[in-house]
N, C-alpha and C. Protein backbone atom coordinates (compact mmCIF):
# COMPACT_ATOMS: atom_id res chain seq x y z
N MET A 1 2.06 14.17 2.51
CA MET A 1 0.82 13.48 2.27
C MET A 1 0.65 12.40 3.35
N SER A 2 -0.55 12.25 3.81
CA SER A 2 -0.85 11.16 4.73
C SER A 2 -2.23 10.63 4.40
N LEU A 3 -2.44 9.40 4.75
CA LEU A 3 -3.74 8.78 4.47
C LEU A 3 -4.58 8.73 5.73
N ASN A 4 -5.86 8.67 5.54
CA ASN A 4 -6.80 8.55 6.63
C ASN A 4 -6.49 7.30 7.45
N LYS A 5 -6.36 7.44 8.76
CA LYS A 5 -6.00 6.31 9.63
C LYS A 5 -7.06 5.22 9.58
N GLN A 6 -8.32 5.59 9.47
CA GLN A 6 -9.38 4.58 9.39
C GLN A 6 -9.27 3.77 8.10
N LEU A 7 -8.89 4.42 7.03
CA LEU A 7 -8.70 3.71 5.77
C LEU A 7 -7.55 2.71 5.89
N LEU A 8 -6.45 3.15 6.48
CA LEU A 8 -5.30 2.26 6.64
C LEU A 8 -5.62 1.06 7.52
N GLU A 9 -6.51 1.23 8.48
CA GLU A 9 -6.87 0.12 9.37
C GLU A 9 -7.61 -0.99 8.63
N ILE A 10 -8.36 -0.64 7.59
CA ILE A 10 -9.14 -1.67 6.89
C ILE A 10 -8.46 -2.19 5.63
N LEU A 11 -7.45 -1.49 5.13
CA LEU A 11 -6.76 -1.95 3.93
C LEU A 11 -5.91 -3.18 4.23
N VAL A 12 -5.91 -4.11 3.29
CA VAL A 12 -5.03 -5.28 3.34
C VAL A 12 -4.43 -5.47 1.95
N CYS A 13 -3.36 -6.23 1.90
CA CYS A 13 -2.73 -6.54 0.62
C CYS A 13 -3.69 -7.41 -0.19
N PRO A 14 -3.97 -7.03 -1.43
CA PRO A 14 -4.87 -7.83 -2.24
C PRO A 14 -4.29 -9.19 -2.65
N GLN A 15 -2.99 -9.34 -2.53
CA GLN A 15 -2.36 -10.60 -2.92
C GLN A 15 -2.37 -11.62 -1.77
N CYS A 16 -1.93 -11.21 -0.59
CA CYS A 16 -1.80 -12.15 0.54
C CYS A 16 -2.80 -11.89 1.66
N HIS A 17 -3.52 -10.78 1.58
CA HIS A 17 -4.49 -10.35 2.60
C HIS A 17 -3.82 -10.03 3.93
N GLY A 18 -2.53 -9.70 3.88
CA GLY A 18 -1.79 -9.32 5.07
C GLY A 18 -1.87 -7.83 5.35
N LYS A 19 -1.32 -7.44 6.49
CA LYS A 19 -1.32 -6.03 6.90
C LYS A 19 -0.42 -5.21 5.98
N VAL A 20 -0.82 -3.97 5.78
CA VAL A 20 -0.04 -3.01 5.00
C VAL A 20 0.13 -1.73 5.82
N TYR A 21 1.07 -0.92 5.42
CA TYR A 21 1.27 0.36 6.10
C TYR A 21 1.70 1.40 5.07
N PHE A 22 1.48 2.68 5.42
CA PHE A 22 1.83 3.78 4.54
C PHE A 22 3.25 4.23 4.83
N ASP A 23 4.05 4.36 3.79
CA ASP A 23 5.42 4.84 3.91
C ASP A 23 5.50 6.21 3.24
N GLU A 24 5.69 7.25 4.05
CA GLU A 24 5.73 8.62 3.51
C GLU A 24 6.91 8.84 2.59
N LYS A 25 8.05 8.23 2.90
CA LYS A 25 9.25 8.41 2.09
C LYS A 25 9.04 7.90 0.67
N LEU A 26 8.38 6.74 0.55
CA LEU A 26 8.12 6.15 -0.77
C LEU A 26 6.77 6.58 -1.33
N SER A 27 5.99 7.30 -0.54
CA SER A 27 4.66 7.77 -0.93
C SER A 27 3.77 6.63 -1.44
N GLY A 28 3.76 5.56 -0.68
CA GLY A 28 2.94 4.43 -1.08
C GLY A 28 2.64 3.51 0.08
N ILE A 29 1.84 2.51 -0.20
CA ILE A 29 1.43 1.53 0.79
C ILE A 29 2.27 0.27 0.57
N ILE A 30 2.83 -0.25 1.65
CA ILE A 30 3.76 -1.37 1.55
C ILE A 30 3.21 -2.60 2.23
N CYS A 31 3.42 -3.74 1.56
CA CYS A 31 3.17 -5.05 2.16
C CYS A 31 4.54 -5.70 2.33
N ASP A 32 4.97 -5.88 3.58
CA ASP A 32 6.28 -6.47 3.84
C ASP A 32 6.31 -7.95 3.44
N GLN A 33 5.20 -8.62 3.60
CA GLN A 33 5.17 -10.06 3.30
C GLN A 33 5.38 -10.33 1.81
N CYS A 34 4.72 -9.57 0.96
CA CYS A 34 4.84 -9.75 -0.50
C CYS A 34 5.95 -8.90 -1.10
N LYS A 35 6.48 -7.96 -0.33
CA LYS A 35 7.50 -7.02 -0.82
C LYS A 35 6.97 -6.21 -2.00
N LEU A 36 5.75 -5.65 -1.81
CA LEU A 36 5.13 -4.84 -2.85
C LEU A 36 4.84 -3.44 -2.34
N LEU A 37 4.94 -2.48 -3.25
CA LEU A 37 4.61 -1.08 -2.98
C LEU A 37 3.44 -0.70 -3.86
N TYR A 38 2.35 -0.31 -3.21
CA TYR A 38 1.16 0.14 -3.93
C TYR A 38 1.16 1.66 -3.95
N GLU A 39 1.07 2.22 -5.14
CA GLU A 39 1.12 3.67 -5.33
C GLU A 39 -0.14 4.34 -4.80
N VAL A 40 0.02 5.59 -4.36
CA VAL A 40 -1.12 6.41 -3.94
C VAL A 40 -1.19 7.59 -4.91
N LYS A 41 -2.31 7.69 -5.63
CA LYS A 41 -2.50 8.77 -6.60
C LYS A 41 -3.65 9.65 -6.13
N ASP A 42 -3.39 10.94 -5.98
CA ASP A 42 -4.40 11.90 -5.54
C ASP A 42 -5.09 11.44 -4.26
N ASP A 43 -4.29 10.96 -3.31
CA ASP A 43 -4.76 10.48 -2.00
C ASP A 43 -5.64 9.23 -2.09
N ILE A 44 -5.58 8.51 -3.21
CA ILE A 44 -6.34 7.28 -3.38
C ILE A 44 -5.36 6.13 -3.61
N PRO A 45 -5.37 5.11 -2.75
CA PRO A 45 -4.47 3.97 -2.93
C PRO A 45 -4.88 3.14 -4.16
N VAL A 46 -3.90 2.79 -4.96
CA VAL A 46 -4.13 1.93 -6.12
C VAL A 46 -3.71 0.52 -5.70
N MET A 47 -4.68 -0.25 -5.22
CA MET A 47 -4.40 -1.56 -4.64
C MET A 47 -4.58 -2.67 -5.67
N LEU A 48 -3.88 -2.55 -6.79
CA LEU A 48 -3.91 -3.55 -7.84
C LEU A 48 -2.55 -4.24 -7.89
N VAL A 49 -2.56 -5.57 -7.75
CA VAL A 49 -1.31 -6.33 -7.72
C VAL A 49 -0.52 -6.10 -9.01
N GLU A 50 -1.21 -6.08 -10.13
CA GLU A 50 -0.50 -5.92 -11.41
C GLU A 50 0.13 -4.53 -11.57
N ASP A 51 -0.31 -3.54 -10.80
CA ASP A 51 0.27 -2.20 -10.87
C ASP A 51 1.28 -1.94 -9.75
N ALA A 52 1.41 -2.86 -8.82
CA ALA A 52 2.33 -2.68 -7.68
C ALA A 52 3.78 -2.81 -8.13
N GLN A 53 4.66 -2.13 -7.40
CA GLN A 53 6.09 -2.21 -7.67
C GLN A 53 6.72 -3.19 -6.70
N LYS A 54 7.63 -4.03 -7.22
CA LYS A 54 8.32 -4.97 -6.36
C LYS A 54 9.44 -4.25 -5.62
N LEU A 55 9.54 -4.55 -4.32
CA LEU A 55 10.61 -3.99 -3.50
C LEU A 55 11.69 -5.05 -3.33
N SER A 56 12.93 -4.63 -3.22
CA SER A 56 14.00 -5.61 -3.03
C SER A 56 14.32 -5.82 -1.57
């Protein structure tokens, strides 16, 4: 699975408004600053802070 590059260019973390990137191994969008993983369901990013998984 991969996401549209144009979509990734405009997406930001909803918590800190920082840059995010897609991680194929984890199948989600990651914010390194907040240490959050946003799930991608049916090729649609779920960019809700309350639904994000914390990364260690």
